[in-house]
Full PDB file with SEQRES, HELIX, SHEET, SSBOND, CRYST1, ORIGX, SCALE, CONECT and MASTER records, all heavy atoms in Angstrom:
SEQRES   1 A   40  PRO GLN THR LEU SER ALA PRO ALA ARG TRP THR SER TYR          
SEQRES   2 A   40  ILE MET SER ALA ILE PRO VAL ALA LEU MET ILE PHE SER          
SEQRES   3 A   40  ALA ILE GLY MET PHE ARG GLY SER GLN SER LEU ILE GLN          
SEQRES   4 A   40  LEU                                                          
HELIX    1 AA1 ALA A    6  ARG A   32  1                                  27    
HELIX    2 AA2 GLN A   35  GLN A   39  1                                   5    
CRYST1    1.000    1.000    1.000  90.00  90.00  90.00 P 1           1          
ORIGX1      1.000000  0.000000  0.000000        0.00000                         
ORIGX2      0.000000  1.000000  0.000000        0.00000                         
ORIGX3      0.000000  0.000000  1.000000        0.00000                         
SCALE1      1.000000  0.000000  0.000000        0.00000                         
SCALE2      0.000000  1.000000  0.000000        0.00000                         
SCALE3      0.000000  0.000000  1.000000        0.00000                         
ATOM      1  N   PRO A   1     -18.858  11.382  18.170  1.00  0.00           N  
ATOM      2  CA  PRO A   1     -17.792  10.387  18.145  1.00  0.00           C  
ATOM      3  C   PRO A   1     -18.125   9.184  17.264  1.00  0.00           C  
ATOM      4  O   PRO A   1     -17.259   8.392  16.955  1.00  0.00           O  
ATOM      5  CB  PRO A   1     -17.643   9.964  19.611  1.00  0.00           C  
ATOM      6  CG  PRO A   1     -18.846  10.473  20.310  1.00  0.00           C  
ATOM      7  CD  PRO A   1     -19.424  11.562  19.486  1.00  0.00           C  
ATOM      8  N   GLN A   2     -19.396   9.064  16.841  1.00  0.00           N  
ATOM      9  CA  GLN A   2     -19.788   7.926  16.016  1.00  0.00           C  
ATOM     10  C   GLN A   2     -19.689   8.214  14.519  1.00  0.00           C  
ATOM     11  O   GLN A   2     -19.962   7.342  13.716  1.00  0.00           O  
ATOM     12  CB  GLN A   2     -21.221   7.491  16.370  1.00  0.00           C  
ATOM     13  CG  GLN A   2     -21.362   7.016  17.791  1.00  0.00           C  
ATOM     14  CD  GLN A   2     -20.457   5.832  18.096  1.00  0.00           C  
ATOM     15  OE1 GLN A   2     -20.299   4.948  17.289  1.00  0.00           O  
ATOM     16  NE2 GLN A   2     -19.849   5.850  19.270  1.00  0.00           N  
ATOM     17  N   THR A   3     -19.347   9.433  14.126  1.00  0.00           N  
ATOM     18  CA  THR A   3     -19.250   9.772  12.709  1.00  0.00           C  
ATOM     19  C   THR A   3     -17.820  10.132  12.360  1.00  0.00           C  
ATOM     20  O   THR A   3     -17.032  10.538  13.207  1.00  0.00           O  
ATOM     21  CB  THR A   3     -20.173  10.946  12.349  1.00  0.00           C  
ATOM     22  OG1 THR A   3     -19.764  12.096  13.097  1.00  0.00           O  
ATOM     23  CG2 THR A   3     -21.621  10.620  12.626  1.00  0.00           C  
ATOM     24  N   LEU A   4     -17.514   9.992  11.102  1.00  0.00           N  
ATOM     25  CA  LEU A   4     -16.174  10.296  10.612  1.00  0.00           C  
ATOM     26  C   LEU A   4     -16.317  11.287   9.472  1.00  0.00           C  
ATOM     27  O   LEU A   4     -17.083  11.050   8.529  1.00  0.00           O  
ATOM     28  CB  LEU A   4     -15.503   9.000  10.127  1.00  0.00           C  
ATOM     29  CG  LEU A   4     -14.057   9.048   9.722  1.00  0.00           C  
ATOM     30  CD1 LEU A   4     -13.199   9.493  10.902  1.00  0.00           C  
ATOM     31  CD2 LEU A   4     -13.603   7.687   9.254  1.00  0.00           C  
ATOM     32  N   SER A   5     -15.614  12.402   9.553  1.00  0.00           N  
ATOM     33  CA  SER A   5     -15.707  13.407   8.502  1.00  0.00           C  
ATOM     34  C   SER A   5     -15.086  12.873   7.212  1.00  0.00           C  
ATOM     35  O   SER A   5     -14.236  11.986   7.229  1.00  0.00           O  
ATOM     36  CB  SER A   5     -14.997  14.689   8.933  1.00  0.00           C  
ATOM     37  OG  SER A   5     -13.601  14.485   8.978  1.00  0.00           O  
ATOM     38  N   ALA A   6     -15.521  13.436   6.111  1.00  0.00           N  
ATOM     39  CA  ALA A   6     -14.998  13.011   4.810  1.00  0.00           C  
ATOM     40  C   ALA A   6     -13.485  13.230   4.706  1.00  0.00           C  
ATOM     41  O   ALA A   6     -12.768  12.343   4.232  1.00  0.00           O  
ATOM     42  CB  ALA A   6     -15.739  13.726   3.685  1.00  0.00           C  
ATOM     43  N   PRO A   7     -12.955  14.384   5.152  1.00  0.00           N  
ATOM     44  CA  PRO A   7     -11.490  14.545   5.077  1.00  0.00           C  
ATOM     45  C   PRO A   7     -10.737  13.512   5.920  1.00  0.00           C  
ATOM     46  O   PRO A   7      -9.712  12.987   5.483  1.00  0.00           O  
ATOM     47  CB  PRO A   7     -11.254  15.962   5.609  1.00  0.00           C  
ATOM     48  CG  PRO A   7     -12.524  16.679   5.374  1.00  0.00           C  
ATOM     49  CD  PRO A   7     -13.598  15.645   5.545  1.00  0.00           C  
ATOM     50  N   ALA A   8     -11.262  13.201   7.102  1.00  0.00           N  
ATOM     51  CA  ALA A   8     -10.602  12.194   7.949  1.00  0.00           C  
ATOM     52  C   ALA A   8     -10.667  10.818   7.289  1.00  0.00           C  
ATOM     53  O   ALA A   8      -9.699  10.052   7.324  1.00  0.00           O  
ATOM     54  CB  ALA A   8     -11.244  12.154   9.332  1.00  0.00           C  
ATOM     55  N   ARG A   9     -11.804  10.500   6.687  1.00  0.00           N  
ATOM     56  CA  ARG A   9     -11.956   9.212   6.011  1.00  0.00           C  
ATOM     57  C   ARG A   9     -10.972   9.094   4.853  1.00  0.00           C  
ATOM     58  O   ARG A   9     -10.276   8.086   4.723  1.00  0.00           O  
ATOM     59  CB  ARG A   9     -13.390   9.039   5.518  1.00  0.00           C  
ATOM     60  CG  ARG A   9     -13.643   7.671   4.928  1.00  0.00           C  
ATOM     61  CD  ARG A   9     -15.078   7.441   4.458  1.00  0.00           C  
ATOM     62  NE  ARG A   9     -16.090   7.971   5.355  1.00  0.00           N  
ATOM     63  CZ  ARG A   9     -16.855   9.047   5.089  1.00  0.00           C  
ATOM     64  NH1 ARG A   9     -16.720   9.682   3.946  1.00  0.00           N  
ATOM     65  NH2 ARG A   9     -17.760   9.458   5.951  1.00  0.00           N  
ATOM     66  N   TRP A  10     -10.881  10.128   4.026  1.00  0.00           N  
ATOM     67  CA  TRP A  10      -9.964  10.065   2.880  1.00  0.00           C  
ATOM     68  C   TRP A  10      -8.505  10.063   3.328  1.00  0.00           C  
ATOM     69  O   TRP A  10      -7.666   9.396   2.725  1.00  0.00           O  
ATOM     70  CB  TRP A  10     -10.250  11.207   1.909  1.00  0.00           C  
ATOM     71  CG  TRP A  10     -11.421  10.865   1.052  1.00  0.00           C  
ATOM     72  CD1 TRP A  10     -12.691  11.339   1.166  1.00  0.00           C  
ATOM     73  CD2 TRP A  10     -11.439   9.916  -0.014  1.00  0.00           C  
ATOM     74  NE1 TRP A  10     -13.501  10.749   0.224  1.00  0.00           N  
ATOM     75  CE2 TRP A  10     -12.758   9.875  -0.511  1.00  0.00           C  
ATOM     76  CE3 TRP A  10     -10.483   9.105  -0.598  1.00  0.00           C  
ATOM     77  CZ2 TRP A  10     -13.129   9.049  -1.569  1.00  0.00           C  
ATOM     78  CZ3 TRP A  10     -10.848   8.276  -1.653  1.00  0.00           C  
ATOM     79  CH2 TRP A  10     -12.161   8.253  -2.118  1.00  0.00           C  
ATOM     80  N   THR A  11      -8.202  10.799   4.381  1.00  0.00           N  
ATOM     81  CA  THR A  11      -6.846  10.763   4.923  1.00  0.00           C  
ATOM     82  C   THR A  11      -6.505   9.356   5.388  1.00  0.00           C  
ATOM     83  O   THR A  11      -5.403   8.856   5.140  1.00  0.00           O  
ATOM     84  CB  THR A  11      -6.704  11.767   6.082  1.00  0.00           C  
ATOM     85  OG1 THR A  11      -7.004  13.073   5.599  1.00  0.00           O  
ATOM     86  CG2 THR A  11      -5.304  11.744   6.665  1.00  0.00           C  
ATOM     87  N   SER A  12      -7.461   8.701   6.039  1.00  0.00           N  
ATOM     88  CA  SER A  12      -7.214   7.333   6.508  1.00  0.00           C  
ATOM     89  C   SER A  12      -7.002   6.386   5.346  1.00  0.00           C  
ATOM     90  O   SER A  12      -6.146   5.501   5.403  1.00  0.00           O  
ATOM     91  CB  SER A  12      -8.370   6.850   7.390  1.00  0.00           C  
ATOM     92  OG  SER A  12      -9.500   6.487   6.620  1.00  0.00           O  
ATOM     93  N   TYR A  13      -7.780   6.560   4.264  1.00  0.00           N  
ATOM     94  CA  TYR A  13      -7.606   5.691   3.092  1.00  0.00           C  
ATOM     95  C   TYR A  13      -6.237   5.880   2.463  1.00  0.00           C  
ATOM     96  O   TYR A  13      -5.572   4.909   2.085  1.00  0.00           O  
ATOM     97  CB  TYR A  13      -8.690   5.969   2.043  1.00  0.00           C  
ATOM     98  CG  TYR A  13     -10.086   5.577   2.453  1.00  0.00           C  
ATOM     99  CD1 TYR A  13     -11.184   6.193   1.869  1.00  0.00           C  
ATOM    100  CD2 TYR A  13     -10.332   4.604   3.413  1.00  0.00           C  
ATOM    101  CE1 TYR A  13     -12.479   5.855   2.223  1.00  0.00           C  
ATOM    102  CE2 TYR A  13     -11.628   4.256   3.777  1.00  0.00           C  
ATOM    103  CZ  TYR A  13     -12.686   4.878   3.171  1.00  0.00           C  
ATOM    104  OH  TYR A  13     -13.965   4.533   3.518  1.00  0.00           O  
ATOM    105  N   ILE A  14      -5.801   7.119   2.346  1.00  0.00           N  
ATOM    106  CA  ILE A  14      -4.493   7.403   1.734  1.00  0.00           C  
ATOM    107  C   ILE A  14      -3.368   6.866   2.613  1.00  0.00           C  
ATOM    108  O   ILE A  14      -2.429   6.231   2.122  1.00  0.00           O  
ATOM    109  CB  ILE A  14      -4.336   8.913   1.466  1.00  0.00           C  
ATOM    110  CG1 ILE A  14      -5.323   9.346   0.367  1.00  0.00           C  
ATOM    111  CG2 ILE A  14      -2.902   9.256   1.079  1.00  0.00           C  
ATOM    112  CD1 ILE A  14      -5.490  10.847   0.242  1.00  0.00           C  
ATOM    113  N   MET A  15      -3.475   7.116   3.923  1.00  0.00           N  
ATOM    114  CA  MET A  15      -2.439   6.616   4.839  1.00  0.00           C  
ATOM    115  C   MET A  15      -2.342   5.092   4.781  1.00  0.00           C  
ATOM    116  O   MET A  15      -1.247   4.531   4.798  1.00  0.00           O  
ATOM    117  CB  MET A  15      -2.737   7.060   6.275  1.00  0.00           C  
ATOM    118  CG  MET A  15      -2.522   8.526   6.521  1.00  0.00           C  
ATOM    119  SD  MET A  15      -3.043   9.034   8.180  1.00  0.00           S  
ATOM    120  CE  MET A  15      -1.782   8.258   9.185  1.00  0.00           C  
ATOM    121  N   SER A  16      -3.477   4.423   4.710  1.00  0.00           N  
ATOM    122  CA  SER A  16      -3.490   2.963   4.670  1.00  0.00           C  
ATOM    123  C   SER A  16      -3.034   2.417   3.329  1.00  0.00           C  
ATOM    124  O   SER A  16      -2.437   1.342   3.256  1.00  0.00           O  
ATOM    125  CB  SER A  16      -4.898   2.448   4.975  1.00  0.00           C  
ATOM    126  OG  SER A  16      -5.274   2.791   6.278  1.00  0.00           O  
ATOM    127  N   ALA A  17      -3.332   3.140   2.257  1.00  0.00           N  
ATOM    128  CA  ALA A  17      -3.008   2.651   0.921  1.00  0.00           C  
ATOM    129  C   ALA A  17      -1.507   2.594   0.666  1.00  0.00           C  
ATOM    130  O   ALA A  17      -1.046   1.723  -0.075  1.00  0.00           O  
ATOM    131  CB  ALA A  17      -3.676   3.537  -0.134  1.00  0.00           C  
ATOM    132  N   ILE A  18      -0.760   3.475   1.277  1.00  0.00           N  
ATOM    133  CA  ILE A  18       0.680   3.533   0.992  1.00  0.00           C  
ATOM    134  C   ILE A  18       1.396   2.247   1.409  1.00  0.00           C  
ATOM    135  O   ILE A  18       2.040   1.596   0.569  1.00  0.00           O  
ATOM    136  CB  ILE A  18       1.315   4.792   1.618  1.00  0.00           C  
ATOM    137  CG1 ILE A  18       0.753   6.042   0.924  1.00  0.00           C  
ATOM    138  CG2 ILE A  18       2.838   4.752   1.522  1.00  0.00           C  
ATOM    139  CD1 ILE A  18       1.086   7.347   1.612  1.00  0.00           C  
ATOM    140  N   PRO A  19       1.317   1.796   2.660  1.00  0.00           N  
ATOM    141  CA  PRO A  19       2.011   0.548   2.997  1.00  0.00           C  
ATOM    142  C   PRO A  19       1.427  -0.671   2.292  1.00  0.00           C  
ATOM    143  O   PRO A  19       2.168  -1.568   1.871  1.00  0.00           O  
ATOM    144  CB  PRO A  19       1.863   0.431   4.519  1.00  0.00           C  
ATOM    145  CG  PRO A  19       0.810   1.380   4.906  1.00  0.00           C  
ATOM    146  CD  PRO A  19       0.713   2.413   3.843  1.00  0.00           C  
ATOM    147  N   VAL A  20       0.103  -0.691   2.112  1.00  0.00           N  
ATOM    148  CA  VAL A  20      -0.521  -1.833   1.443  1.00  0.00           C  
ATOM    149  C   VAL A  20      -0.071  -1.914  -0.017  1.00  0.00           C  
ATOM    150  O   VAL A  20       0.274  -2.985  -0.505  1.00  0.00           O  
ATOM    151  CB  VAL A  20      -2.062  -1.753   1.559  1.00  0.00           C  
ATOM    152  CG1 VAL A  20      -2.740  -2.733   0.630  1.00  0.00           C  
ATOM    153  CG2 VAL A  20      -2.484  -2.008   2.993  1.00  0.00           C  
ATOM    154  N   ALA A  21      -0.061  -0.789  -0.702  1.00  0.00           N  
ATOM    155  CA  ALA A  21       0.364  -0.786  -2.102  1.00  0.00           C  
ATOM    156  C   ALA A  21       1.820  -1.236  -2.230  1.00  0.00           C  
ATOM    157  O   ALA A  21       2.154  -2.028  -3.130  1.00  0.00           O  
ATOM    158  CB  ALA A  21       0.187   0.608  -2.704  1.00  0.00           C  
ATOM    159  N   LEU A  22       2.675  -0.765  -1.347  1.00  0.00           N  
ATOM    160  CA  LEU A  22       4.076  -1.175  -1.408  1.00  0.00           C  
ATOM    161  C   LEU A  22       4.230  -2.673  -1.155  1.00  0.00           C  
ATOM    162  O   LEU A  22       5.039  -3.343  -1.815  1.00  0.00           O  
ATOM    163  CB  LEU A  22       4.908  -0.362  -0.424  1.00  0.00           C  
ATOM    164  CG  LEU A  22       5.092   1.103  -0.799  1.00  0.00           C  
ATOM    165  CD1 LEU A  22       5.759   1.869   0.323  1.00  0.00           C  
ATOM    166  CD2 LEU A  22       5.877   1.246  -2.082  1.00  0.00           C  
ATOM    167  N   MET A  23       3.457  -3.217  -0.236  1.00  0.00           N  
ATOM    168  CA  MET A  23       3.519  -4.654   0.036  1.00  0.00           C  
ATOM    169  C   MET A  23       3.031  -5.460  -1.169  1.00  0.00           C  
ATOM    170  O   MET A  23       3.639  -6.466  -1.539  1.00  0.00           O  
ATOM    171  CB  MET A  23       2.696  -4.998   1.278  1.00  0.00           C  
ATOM    172  CG  MET A  23       3.293  -4.463   2.562  1.00  0.00           C  
ATOM    173  SD  MET A  23       2.245  -4.777   3.993  1.00  0.00           S  
ATOM    174  CE  MET A  23       2.643  -6.489   4.304  1.00  0.00           C  
ATOM    175  N   ILE A  24       1.945  -5.012  -1.777  1.00  0.00           N  
ATOM    176  CA  ILE A  24       1.396  -5.723  -2.926  1.00  0.00           C  
ATOM    177  C   ILE A  24       2.348  -5.645  -4.108  1.00  0.00           C  
ATOM    178  O   ILE A  24       2.621  -6.661  -4.766  1.00  0.00           O  
ATOM    179  CB  ILE A  24      -0.011  -5.191  -3.272  1.00  0.00           C  
ATOM    180  CG1 ILE A  24      -0.994  -5.590  -2.176  1.00  0.00           C  
ATOM    181  CG2 ILE A  24      -0.468  -5.701  -4.636  1.00  0.00           C  
ATOM    182  CD1 ILE A  24      -2.363  -4.946  -2.293  1.00  0.00           C  
ATOM    183  N   PHE A  25       2.893  -4.471  -4.394  1.00  0.00           N  
ATOM    184  CA  PHE A  25       3.831  -4.338  -5.514  1.00  0.00           C  
ATOM    185  C   PHE A  25       5.094  -5.161  -5.286  1.00  0.00           C  
ATOM    186  O   PHE A  25       5.627  -5.770  -6.208  1.00  0.00           O  
ATOM    187  CB  PHE A  25       4.184  -2.872  -5.767  1.00  0.00           C  
ATOM    188  CG  PHE A  25       3.060  -2.063  -6.335  1.00  0.00           C  
ATOM    189  CD1 PHE A  25       2.812  -0.782  -5.866  1.00  0.00           C  
ATOM    190  CD2 PHE A  25       2.226  -2.566  -7.322  1.00  0.00           C  
ATOM    191  CE1 PHE A  25       1.769  -0.028  -6.372  1.00  0.00           C  
ATOM    192  CE2 PHE A  25       1.181  -1.824  -7.842  1.00  0.00           C  
ATOM    193  CZ  PHE A  25       0.954  -0.547  -7.368  1.00  0.00           C  
ATOM    194  N   SER A  26       5.571  -5.189  -4.059  1.00  0.00           N  
ATOM    195  CA  SER A  26       6.747  -5.990  -3.739  1.00  0.00           C  
ATOM    196  C   SER A  26       6.460  -7.474  -3.934  1.00  0.00           C  
ATOM    197  O   SER A  26       7.273  -8.207  -4.507  1.00  0.00           O  
ATOM    198  CB  SER A  26       7.183  -5.721  -2.299  1.00  0.00           C  
ATOM    199  OG  SER A  26       8.219  -6.579  -1.917  1.00  0.00           O  
ATOM    200  N   ALA A  27       5.299  -7.928  -3.467  1.00  0.00           N  
ATOM    201  CA  ALA A  27       4.932  -9.342  -3.617  1.00  0.00           C  
ATOM    202  C   ALA A  27       4.800  -9.711  -5.092  1.00  0.00           C  
ATOM    203  O   ALA A  27       5.293 -10.763  -5.522  1.00  0.00           O  
ATOM    204  CB  ALA A  27       3.626  -9.623  -2.876  1.00  0.00           C  
ATOM    205  N   ILE A  28       4.161  -8.846  -5.865  1.00  0.00           N  
ATOM    206  CA  ILE A  28       4.025  -9.119  -7.302  1.00  0.00           C  
ATOM    207  C   ILE A  28       5.401  -9.194  -7.953  1.00  0.00           C  
ATOM    208  O   ILE A  28       5.666 -10.069  -8.780  1.00  0.00           O  
ATOM    209  CB  ILE A  28       3.140  -8.050  -7.970  1.00  0.00           C  
ATOM    210  CG1 ILE A  28       1.689  -8.223  -7.509  1.00  0.00           C  
ATOM    211  CG2 ILE A  28       3.238  -8.124  -9.490  1.00  0.00           C  
ATOM    212  CD1 ILE A  28       0.765  -7.090  -7.922  1.00  0.00           C  
ATOM    213  N   GLY A  29       6.292  -8.280  -7.575  1.00  0.00           N  
ATOM    214  CA  GLY A  29       7.651  -8.306  -8.112  1.00  0.00           C  
ATOM    215  C   GLY A  29       8.381  -9.595  -7.796  1.00  0.00           C  
ATOM    216  O   GLY A  29       9.108 -10.146  -8.623  1.00  0.00           O  
ATOM    217  N   MET A  30       8.180 -10.105  -6.581  1.00  0.00           N  
ATOM    218  CA  MET A  30       8.819 -11.371  -6.212  1.00  0.00           C  
ATOM    219  C   MET A  30       8.219 -12.537  -6.990  1.00  0.00           C  
ATOM    220  O   MET A  30       8.942 -13.422  -7.440  1.00  0.00           O  
ATOM    221  CB  MET A  30       8.675 -11.614  -4.713  1.00  0.00           C  
ATOM    222  CG  MET A  30       9.578 -10.751  -3.873  1.00  0.00           C  
ATOM    223  SD  MET A  30       9.464 -11.214  -2.147  1.00  0.00           S  
ATOM    224  CE  MET A  30       9.643  -9.622  -1.390  1.00  0.00           C  
ATOM    225  N   PHE A  31       6.901 -12.538  -7.148  1.00  0.00           N  
ATOM    226  CA  PHE A  31       6.261 -13.616  -7.903  1.00  0.00           C  
ATOM    227  C   PHE A  31       6.652 -13.586  -9.376  1.00  0.00           C  
ATOM    228  O   PHE A  31       6.815 -14.635  -9.999  1.00  0.00           O  
ATOM    229  CB  PHE A  31       4.735 -13.543  -7.784  1.00  0.00           C  
ATOM    230  CG  PHE A  31       4.197 -14.037  -6.473  1.00  0.00           C  
ATOM    231  CD1 PHE A  31       3.243 -13.304  -5.786  1.00  0.00           C  
ATOM    232  CD2 PHE A  31       4.630 -15.230  -5.916  1.00  0.00           C  
ATOM    233  CE1 PHE A  31       2.730 -13.754  -4.579  1.00  0.00           C  
ATOM    234  CE2 PHE A  31       4.129 -15.690  -4.706  1.00  0.00           C  
ATOM    235  CZ  PHE A  31       3.176 -14.944  -4.043  1.00  0.00           C  
ATOM    236  N   ARG A  32       6.810 -12.397  -9.929  1.00  0.00           N  
ATOM    237  CA  ARG A  32       7.168 -12.267 -11.345  1.00  0.00           C  
ATOM    238  C   ARG A  32       8.661 -12.449 -11.593  1.00  0.00           C  
ATOM    239  O   ARG A  32       9.076 -12.528 -12.737  1.00  0.00           O  
ATOM    240  CB  ARG A  32       6.726 -10.912 -11.874  1.00  0.00           C  
ATOM    241  CG  ARG A  32       5.230 -10.727 -11.849  1.00  0.00           C  
ATOM    242  CD  ARG A  32       4.843  -9.399 -12.375  1.00  0.00           C  
ATOM    243  NE  ARG A  32       4.250  -9.610 -13.690  1.00  0.00           N  
ATOM    244  CZ  ARG A  32       4.094  -8.682 -14.582  1.00  0.00           C  
ATOM    245  NH1 ARG A  32       4.512  -7.461 -14.341  1.00  0.00           N  
ATOM    246  NH2 ARG A  32       3.518  -8.940 -15.727  1.00  0.00           N  
ATOM    247  N   GLY A  33       9.443 -12.472 -10.559  1.00  0.00           N  
ATOM    248  CA  GLY A  33      10.876 -12.667 -10.715  1.00  0.00           C  
ATOM    249  C   GLY A  33      11.628 -11.414 -11.129  1.00  0.00           C  
ATOM    250  O   GLY A  33      12.580 -11.492 -11.906  1.00  0.00           O  
ATOM    251  N   SER A  34      11.233 -10.272 -10.591  1.00  0.00           N  
ATOM    252  CA  SER A  34      11.922  -9.008 -10.878  1.00  0.00           C  
ATOM    253  C   SER A  34      13.386  -9.131 -10.453  1.00  0.00           C  
ATOM    254  O   SER A  34      13.689  -9.324  -9.274  1.00  0.00           O  
ATOM    255  CB  SER A  34      11.240  -7.870 -10.113  1.00  0.00           C  
ATOM    256  OG  SER A  34      12.043  -6.711 -10.120  1.00  0.00           O  
ATOM    257  N   GLN A  35      14.279  -9.016 -11.426  1.00  0.00           N  
ATOM    258  CA  GLN A  35      15.699  -9.212 -11.143  1.00  0.00           C  
ATOM    259  C   GLN A  35      16.245  -8.185 -10.160  1.00  0.00           C  
ATOM    260  O   GLN A  35      17.059  -8.525  -9.298  1.00  0.00           O  
ATOM    261  CB  GLN A  35      16.508  -9.203 -12.448  1.00  0.00           C  
ATOM    262  CG  GLN A  35      16.287 -10.436 -13.299  1.00  0.00           C  
ATOM    263  CD  GLN A  35      16.558 -11.722 -12.519  1.00  0.00           C  
ATOM    264  OE1 GLN A  35      17.592 -11.883 -11.880  1.00  0.00           O  
ATOM    265  NE2 GLN A  35      15.594 -12.636 -12.546  1.00  0.00           N  
ATOM    266  N   SER A  36      15.816  -6.939 -10.272  1.00  0.00           N  
ATOM    267  CA  SER A  36      16.324  -5.926  -9.338  1.00  0.00           C  
ATOM    268  C   SER A  36      15.864  -6.215  -7.914  1.00  0.00           C  
ATOM    269  O   SER A  36      16.633  -6.068  -6.969  1.00  0.00           O  
ATOM    270  CB  SER A  36      15.894  -4.524  -9.776  1.00  0.00           C  
ATOM    271  OG  SER A  36      14.493  -4.420  -9.804  1.00  0.00           O  
ATOM    272  N   LEU A  37      14.613  -6.649  -7.762  1.00  0.00           N  
ATOM    273  CA  LEU A  37      14.103  -6.979  -6.434  1.00  0.00           C  
ATOM    274  C   LEU A  37      14.776  -8.234  -5.889  1.00  0.00           C  
ATOM    275  O   LEU A  37      15.166  -8.280  -4.718  1.00  0.00           O  
ATOM    276  CB  LEU A  37      12.584  -7.163  -6.484  1.00  0.00           C  
ATOM    277  CG  LEU A  37      11.878  -7.404  -5.161  1.00  0.00           C  
ATOM    278  CD1 LEU A  37      12.150  -6.272  -4.185  1.00  0.00           C  
ATOM    279  CD2 LEU A  37      10.393  -7.560  -5.387  1.00  0.00           C  
ATOM    280  N   ILE A  38      14.937  -9.230  -6.719  1.00  0.00           N  
ATOM    281  CA  ILE A  38      15.605 -10.465  -6.286  1.00  0.00           C  
ATOM    282  C   ILE A  38      17.048 -10.173  -5.893  1.00  0.00           C  
ATOM    283  O   ILE A  38      17.547 -10.677  -4.887  1.00  0.00           O  
ATOM    284  CB  ILE A  38      15.520 -11.541  -7.387  1.00  0.00           C  
ATOM    285  CG1 ILE A  38      14.068 -12.029  -7.506  1.00  0.00           C  
ATOM    286  CG2 ILE A  38      16.459 -12.703  -7.097  1.00  0.00           C  
ATOM    287  CD1 ILE A  38      13.828 -12.940  -8.680  1.00  0.00           C  
ATOM    288  N   GLN A  39      17.725  -9.343  -6.678  1.00  0.00           N  
ATOM    289  CA  GLN A  39      19.108  -8.984  -6.359  1.00  0.00           C  
ATOM    290  C   GLN A  39      19.174  -8.229  -5.024  1.00  0.00           C  
ATOM    291  O   GLN A  39      20.044  -8.501  -4.196  1.00  0.00           O  
ATOM    292  CB  GLN A  39      19.696  -8.134  -7.478  1.00  0.00           C  
ATOM    293  CG  GLN A  39      21.157  -7.824  -7.300  1.00  0.00           C  
ATOM    294  CD  GLN A  39      21.715  -7.055  -8.479  1.00  0.00           C  
ATOM    295  OE1 GLN A  39      20.979  -6.489  -9.283  1.00  0.00           O  
ATOM    296  NE2 GLN A  39      23.026  -7.041  -8.586  1.00  0.00           N  
ATOM    297  N   LEU A  40      18.253  -7.291  -4.805  1.00  0.00           N  
ATOM    298  CA  LEU A  40      18.224  -6.555  -3.536  1.00  0.00           C  
ATOM    299  C   LEU A  40      18.010  -7.511  -2.370  1.00  0.00           C  
ATOM    300  O   LEU A  40      18.726  -7.453  -1.366  1.00  0.00           O  
ATOM    301  CB  LEU A  40      17.107  -5.504  -3.553  1.00  0.00           C  
ATOM    302  CG  LEU A  40      16.807  -4.843  -2.206  1.00  0.00           C  
ATOM    303  CD1 LEU A  40      17.906  -3.847  -1.855  1.00  0.00           C  
ATOM    304  CD2 LEU A  40      15.455  -4.191  -2.220  1.00  0.00           C  
TER     305      LEU A  40                                                      
MASTER        0    0    0    2    0    0    0    6  304    1    0    4          
END                                                                             
Protein backbone atom coordinates (compact mmCIF):
# COMPACT_ATOMS: atom_id res chain seq x y z
CA PRO A 1 0.00 0.00 0.00
CA GLN A 2 3.02 2.31 0.29
CA THR A 3 4.06 2.03 -3.39
CA LEU A 4 2.43 3.27 -6.54
CA SER A 5 2.80 1.42 -9.83
CA ALA A 6 4.10 3.30 -12.84
CA PRO A 7 0.81 2.93 -14.78
CA ALA A 8 -1.18 4.26 -11.81
CA ARG A 9 1.24 7.16 -11.39
CA TRP A 10 1.04 8.14 -15.07
CA THR A 11 -2.74 7.76 -15.07
CA SER A 12 -2.90 10.10 -12.09
CA TYR A 13 -0.68 12.65 -13.85
CA ILE A 14 -2.82 12.58 -16.99
CA MET A 15 -6.08 12.80 -15.04
CA SER A 16 -4.74 15.76 -13.05
CA ALA A 17 -3.23 17.52 -16.05
CA ILE A 18 -6.52 17.85 -17.92
CA PRO A 19 -8.39 20.18 -15.52
CA VAL A 20 -5.20 22.06 -14.60
CA ALA A 21 -4.27 22.67 -18.23
CA LEU A 22 -7.77 23.91 -19.03
CA MET A 23 -7.69 26.29 -16.06
CA ILE A 24 -4.27 27.64 -17.02
CA PHE A 25 -5.18 28.09 -20.70
CA SER A 26 -8.42 29.81 -19.74
CA ALA A 27 -6.61 32.16 -17.35
CA ILE A 28 -3.99 33.00 -19.98
CA GLY A 29 -6.76 33.69 -22.48
CA MET A 30 -8.43 36.08 -20.06
CA PHE A 31 -5.17 37.87 -19.29
CA ARG A 32 -4.34 38.19 -22.99
CA GLY A 33 -7.80 39.46 -23.84
CA SER A 34 -8.96 36.61 -26.09
CA GLN A 35 -12.05 38.05 -27.76
CA SER A 36 -13.81 34.70 -28.12
CA LEU A 37 -13.27 33.91 -24.43
CA ILE A 38 -14.30 37.39 -23.33
CA GLN A 39 -17.41 37.19 -25.51
CA LEU A 40 -18.31 33.77 -24.05
